[in-house]
Amino acid sequence: MAAAKASNLKGIPRRSTLDTAKAVFAQHGGTLSAMAAIRMGVHPATLYRMRDEGEIVQISRGLYRLATLPPLSNPDLVHVALRAPKGVICLVSALSFHDLTTQIPHEVSIALPYGYRPPRLDHPPLRVFRFSGKALSEGVQTHEIDGFRVRVYCPEKTITDCFRFRGKIGSDVAIEALKAYCRRKGARVDDLLRYARICRVEKVMQPYLEAALA
């Protein structure tokens, strides 16, 4: 009893306290921000001990996940989606998600509205593109990755965005993606043209589209 009291005086959480904190995480899908966990009654000292003892792992700045859960299949996209909920995965990152490129992204490309401050991330590297109006809001799909909601532009919108930003990512990337898409069964050419008009690249994309469909 004396030892237990001494332990409490030193600020070391009891095992039962750790188990209760783990249950809080489990009730919320196994992942919580530090602030959310504290609001739910997890003491900061308990949180730090859980981290130090490997009960939880830090998957992003201030974000923790139970160590007993399976590893994230796409941690980079999940991290960015959690830290930038108003953003949309775009361009080469979205092409990779949709299997429309041979490029291997070394950063996560994200579309953000003007005036929205990008998150500060230790990892992954982030490349921000500014969108507005229909170019921002149209073509957004919500996918569930490892239990998290991640917003990604649909294949058709992604391809037209690549033509719009061809000067930054390379025309070859946009053309390769367009050809790969047109080879797919069920390609939606009308949707490509609609998004091309929204992004004002219809005239630029038209000859490449005709060649890909020939």
Protein backbone atom coordinates (compact mmCIF):
# COMPACT_ATOMS: atom_id res chain seq x y z
CA MET A 1 0.00 0.00 0.00
CA ALA A 2 2.79 2.38 0.91
CA ALA A 3 4.52 1.59 -2.37
CA ALA A 4 1.34 2.28 -4.32
CA LYS A 5 0.90 5.64 -2.59
CA ALA A 6 4.51 6.54 -3.28
CA SER A 7 3.98 5.63 -6.90
CA ASN A 8 0.99 7.94 -7.11
CA LEU A 9 2.88 10.76 -5.44
CA LYS A 10 5.56 10.48 -8.07
CA GLY A 11 2.94 10.86 -10.76
CA ILE A 12 3.32 7.35 -12.16
CA PRO A 13 -0.05 6.05 -13.38
CA ARG A 14 -1.28 2.72 -12.03
CA ARG A 15 -1.83 -0.23 -14.37
CA SER A 16 -5.59 0.11 -13.97
CA THR A 17 -5.32 3.73 -15.10
CA LEU A 18 -3.44 2.66 -18.22
CA ASP A 19 -6.04 0.01 -18.99
CA THR A 20 -8.81 2.60 -18.65
CA ALA A 21 -6.96 4.94 -21.01
CA LYS A 22 -6.52 2.14 -23.54
CA ALA A 23 -10.25 1.50 -23.37
CA VAL A 24 -10.89 5.17 -24.18
CA PHE A 25 -8.73 4.81 -27.29
CA ALA A 26 -10.46 1.56 -28.26
CA GLN A 27 -13.89 3.19 -27.99
CA HIS A 28 -12.83 5.78 -30.58
CA GLY A 29 -11.34 3.50 -33.22
CA GLY A 30 -7.94 3.24 -31.57
CA THR A 31 -6.70 6.66 -32.67
CA LEU A 32 -6.95 9.96 -30.81
CA SER A 33 -5.21 13.28 -30.69
CA ALA A 34 -3.53 14.16 -27.42
CA MET A 35 -6.01 16.98 -26.85
CA ALA A 36 -9.00 14.72 -27.51
CA ALA A 37 -7.66 12.02 -25.16
CA ILE A 38 -7.12 14.58 -22.40
CA ARG A 39 -10.64 15.97 -22.88
CA MET A 40 -11.94 12.42 -22.43
CA GLY A 41 -10.22 12.08 -19.09
CA VAL A 42 -6.82 10.63 -19.97
CA HIS A 43 -4.22 12.39 -17.83
CA PRO A 44 -1.19 13.73 -19.74
CA ALA A 45 1.14 11.64 -17.54
CA THR A 46 -0.84 8.54 -18.48
CA LEU A 47 -0.61 9.43 -22.17
CA TYR A 48 3.15 9.89 -22.00
CA ARG A 49 3.63 6.63 -20.13
CA MET A 50 1.53 4.80 -22.73
CA ARG A 51 3.79 6.23 -25.42
CA ASP A 52 7.00 5.44 -23.55
CA GLU A 53 5.92 1.86 -22.85
CA GLY A 54 4.84 1.24 -26.43
CA GLU A 55 1.12 1.00 -25.67
CA ILE A 56 0.45 3.70 -28.28
CA VAL A 57 2.49 4.93 -31.23
CA GLN A 58 2.65 8.48 -32.55
CA ILE A 59 1.48 8.52 -36.17
CA SER A 60 1.63 12.29 -36.59
CA ARG A 61 2.25 15.41 -34.53
CA GLY A 62 -0.04 15.09 -31.49
CA LEU A 63 -1.85 12.04 -32.88
CA TYR A 64 -1.62 8.59 -31.28
CA ARG A 65 -2.79 5.09 -32.23
CA LEU A 66 -2.98 1.86 -30.21
CA ALA A 67 0.10 -0.23 -30.93
CA THR A 68 -1.99 -3.40 -31.08
CA LEU A 69 -3.78 -2.22 -34.23
CA PRO A 70 -2.55 -3.33 -37.68
CA PRO A 71 -0.08 -0.95 -39.36
CA LEU A 72 -1.62 1.68 -41.60
CA SER A 73 -1.64 0.59 -45.24
CA ASN A 74 -1.24 4.17 -46.50
CA PRO A 75 0.01 6.20 -43.55
CA ASP A 76 1.07 9.25 -45.57
CA LEU A 77 -2.41 9.92 -46.96
CA VAL A 78 -4.02 9.22 -43.60
CA HIS A 79 -1.67 11.60 -41.78
CA VAL A 80 -2.31 14.42 -44.23
CA ALA A 81 -6.09 13.87 -44.23
CA LEU A 82 -6.21 13.98 -40.44
CA ARG A 83 -4.15 17.15 -40.21
CA ALA A 84 -5.78 18.97 -43.15
CA PRO A 85 -9.48 17.99 -43.15
CA LYS A 86 -10.35 20.73 -45.68
CA GLY A 87 -7.74 19.50 -48.13
CA VAL A 88 -8.11 17.07 -51.04
CA ILE A 89 -5.41 14.65 -52.20
CA CYS A 90 -4.56 15.72 -55.74
CA LEU A 91 -2.25 15.49 -58.74
CA VAL A 92 0.52 12.85 -58.60
CA SER A 93 -0.61 11.57 -55.18
CA ALA A 94 -4.14 11.09 -56.49
CA LEU A 95 -2.82 9.50 -59.70
CA SER A 96 -0.88 7.01 -57.59
CA PHE A 97 -3.95 6.29 -55.48
CA HIS A 98 -5.95 5.56 -58.64
CA ASP A 99 -3.11 3.53 -60.25
CA LEU A 100 -2.78 5.96 -63.14
CA THR A 101 0.94 6.69 -63.02
CA THR A 102 4.32 5.02 -62.92
CA GLN A 103 5.61 7.91 -60.81
CA ILE A 104 6.46 7.14 -57.19
CA PRO A 105 5.35 10.12 -55.07
CA HIS A 106 7.99 11.30 -52.62
CA GLU A 107 5.61 13.86 -51.16
CA VAL A 108 1.87 14.19 -50.71
CA SER A 109 0.18 16.67 -53.04
CA ILE A 110 -2.84 18.35 -51.52
CA ALA A 111 -5.31 20.93 -52.79
CA LEU A 112 -6.18 23.63 -50.26
CA PRO A 113 -8.41 26.68 -50.52
CA TYR A 114 -6.74 30.07 -50.60
CA GLY A 115 -6.21 31.47 -47.11
CA TYR A 116 -6.18 28.02 -45.46
CA ARG A 117 -2.90 27.48 -43.63
CA PRO A 118 -1.27 24.12 -44.42
CA PRO A 119 -0.49 21.86 -41.47
CA ARG A 120 3.03 21.61 -40.07
CA LEU A 121 4.15 18.03 -40.53
CA ASP A 122 7.38 16.29 -39.60
CA HIS A 123 6.42 13.64 -42.12
CA PRO A 124 5.41 13.14 -44.90
CA PRO A 125 6.70 15.99 -47.08
CA LEU A 126 3.76 18.08 -48.22
CA ARG A 127 3.29 19.93 -51.52
CA VAL A 128 0.42 22.39 -51.45
CA PHE A 129 -1.57 23.55 -54.47
CA ARG A 130 -4.16 26.30 -54.16
CA PHE A 131 -7.60 25.72 -55.66
CA SER A 132 -10.79 27.76 -55.59
CA GLY A 133 -14.39 27.62 -56.74
CA LYS A 134 -15.51 24.57 -58.71
CA ALA A 135 -11.89 23.61 -59.33
CA LEU A 136 -11.70 22.94 -55.58
CA SER A 137 -15.15 21.52 -54.87
CA GLU A 138 -15.90 19.38 -57.94
CA GLY A 139 -14.83 15.76 -58.31
CA VAL A 140 -14.11 15.10 -54.64
CA GLN A 141 -14.49 11.48 -53.50
CA THR A 142 -14.28 10.27 -49.91
CA HIS A 143 -12.47 6.96 -49.46
CA GLU A 144 -12.04 4.97 -46.28
CA ILE A 145 -8.41 4.05 -45.69
CA ASP A 146 -7.62 2.05 -42.56
CA GLY A 147 -10.86 3.29 -41.04
CA PHE A 148 -10.14 6.97 -41.77
CA ARG A 149 -11.97 9.20 -44.23
CA VAL A 150 -9.62 10.55 -46.90
CA ARG A 151 -10.73 13.02 -49.56
CA VAL A 152 -9.25 12.37 -53.00
CA TYR A 153 -10.12 13.81 -56.40
CA CYS A 154 -11.73 11.29 -58.74
CA PRO A 155 -9.62 9.97 -61.66
CA GLU A 156 -11.21 12.27 -64.25
CA LYS A 157 -10.75 15.43 -62.17
CA THR A 158 -7.21 14.39 -61.26
CA ILE A 159 -6.19 14.03 -64.89
CA THR A 160 -7.53 17.45 -65.85
CA ASP A 161 -5.77 18.97 -62.82
CA CYS A 162 -2.53 17.42 -64.07
CA PHE A 163 -2.96 19.21 -67.41
CA ARG A 164 -3.72 22.41 -65.54
CA PHE A 165 -0.54 22.12 -63.48
CA ARG A 166 1.56 20.51 -66.24
CA GLY A 167 4.15 23.25 -65.89
CA LYS A 168 4.79 22.15 -62.28
CA ILE A 169 4.49 18.37 -62.53
CA GLY A 170 5.43 17.79 -66.18
CA SER A 171 3.31 17.30 -69.29
CA ASP A 172 4.56 13.71 -69.59
CA VAL A 173 2.88 12.83 -66.27
CA ALA A 174 -0.47 14.22 -67.45
CA ILE A 175 -0.28 12.52 -70.86
CA GLU A 176 0.71 9.16 -69.35
CA ALA A 177 -2.22 9.32 -66.94
CA LEU A 178 -4.67 10.22 -69.71
CA LYS A 179 -3.53 7.29 -71.84
CA ALA A 180 -3.73 4.88 -68.89
CA TYR A 181 -7.24 6.09 -68.08
CA CYS A 182 -8.50 5.77 -71.66
CA ARG A 183 -7.30 2.16 -71.78
CA ARG A 184 -9.58 1.32 -68.87
CA LYS A 185 -12.93 -0.28 -69.39
CA GLY A 186 -15.69 2.18 -68.63
CA ALA A 187 -13.63 5.35 -69.13
CA ARG A 188 -15.89 8.38 -68.79
CA VAL A 189 -14.89 10.73 -71.58
CA ASP A 190 -17.79 13.09 -70.94
CA ASP A 191 -16.63 13.53 -67.34
CA LEU A 192 -13.07 14.22 -68.52
CA LEU A 193 -14.33 16.96 -70.81
CA ARG A 194 -16.59 18.43 -68.12
CA TYR A 195 -13.72 18.72 -65.65
CA ALA A 196 -11.45 19.99 -68.43
CA ARG A 197 -13.88 22.88 -68.95
CA ILE A 198 -13.94 23.60 -65.22
CA CYS A 199 -10.14 23.64 -65.13
CA ARG A 200 -9.96 25.56 -68.45
CA VAL A 201 -7.72 23.02 -70.17
CA GLU A 202 -10.20 21.60 -72.68
CA LYS A 203 -8.31 22.93 -75.74
CA VAL A 204 -4.97 21.79 -74.33
CA MET A 205 -6.20 18.30 -73.51
CA GLN A 206 -8.38 17.69 -76.58
CA PRO A 207 -5.67 16.54 -79.04
CA TYR A 208 -4.12 14.19 -76.48
CA LEU A 209 -7.56 12.78 -75.68
CA GLU A 210 -8.34 12.18 -79.36
CA ALA A 211 -4.99 10.42 -79.83
CA ALA A 212 -5.55 8.25 -76.74
CA LEU A 213 -8.99 7.20 -77.99
CA ALA A 214 -7.89 6.52 -81.58
